[in-house]
């Protein structure tokens, strides 16, 4: 992986999902209806300073 930490420039970077009690998902605020379209939230984290960055939707095409 060629990513570097935006805070400390370390190359010890890992990719993962942001997880809460039921998972962290993004739901557009203007979405109507009972069944909501959503996507998991992905991010990179630095193993040296703990910074979390480059937060993206796992499936933006499903929103």
Protein backbone atom coordinates (compact mmCIF):
# COMPACT_ATOMS: atom_id res chain seq x y z
CA UNK A 1 0.00 0.00 0.00
CA UNK A 2 1.40 3.40 -0.96
CA UNK A 3 -0.78 5.51 1.37
CA UNK A 4 0.87 7.73 3.96
CA UNK A 5 -0.65 9.22 7.08
CA UNK A 6 -1.88 12.77 6.49
CA UNK A 7 -0.81 13.75 10.03
CA UNK A 8 2.59 12.10 10.68
CA UNK A 9 3.46 10.75 7.19
CA UNK A 10 3.92 7.19 8.49
CA UNK A 11 3.48 4.41 5.95
CA UNK A 12 2.09 2.00 8.58
CA UNK A 13 -1.51 2.33 7.35
CA UNK A 14 -4.43 -0.09 7.67
CA UNK A 15 -7.83 -0.03 5.98
CA UNK A 16 -11.07 -0.89 7.76
CA UNK A 17 -14.75 -0.14 8.41
CA UNK A 18 -16.07 2.33 10.96
CA UNK A 19 -18.25 0.20 13.25
CA UNK A 20 -20.80 1.20 15.88
CA UNK A 21 -23.42 -0.77 17.76
CA UNK A 22 -25.25 -1.65 14.55
CA UNK A 23 -22.56 -0.53 12.15
CA UNK A 24 -21.95 2.95 10.82
CA UNK A 25 -23.80 3.74 7.62
CA UNK A 26 -24.38 6.85 5.54
CA UNK A 27 -27.99 7.73 4.67
CA UNK A 28 -28.69 10.87 2.60
CA UNK A 29 -30.74 13.37 4.65
CA UNK A 30 -33.17 14.11 1.82
CA UNK A 31 -34.10 10.44 1.33
CA UNK A 32 -37.79 9.63 1.73
CA UNK A 33 -39.57 6.34 2.32
CA UNK A 34 -39.43 3.52 4.82
CA UNK A 35 -36.62 1.51 3.24
CA UNK A 36 -33.48 3.62 3.24
CA UNK A 37 -30.58 3.22 0.84
CA UNK A 38 -27.29 3.17 2.71
CA UNK A 39 -23.63 2.28 2.50
CA UNK A 40 -21.01 1.19 5.02
CA UNK A 41 -18.30 3.74 5.82
CA UNK A 42 -14.66 2.81 5.15
CA UNK A 43 -11.51 4.57 6.38
CA UNK A 44 -7.76 4.30 6.74
CA UNK A 45 -5.98 4.51 10.09
CA UNK A 46 -2.37 5.16 11.04
CA UNK A 47 -0.81 2.53 13.30
CA UNK A 48 1.68 5.09 14.65
CA UNK A 49 -0.34 8.20 15.57
CA UNK A 50 -3.91 6.82 15.46
CA UNK A 51 -5.17 9.31 12.89
CA UNK A 52 -8.26 8.20 10.91
CA UNK A 53 -8.49 9.64 7.40
CA UNK A 54 -9.72 9.18 3.82
CA UNK A 55 -13.26 8.28 4.92
CA UNK A 56 -15.33 6.96 2.00
CA UNK A 57 -18.52 5.04 1.27
CA UNK A 58 -18.00 1.34 0.60
CA UNK A 59 -20.77 1.28 -2.05
CA UNK A 60 -21.50 4.85 -3.24
CA UNK A 61 -23.41 3.43 -6.21
CA UNK A 62 -26.12 2.13 -3.82
CA UNK A 63 -27.01 5.59 -2.47
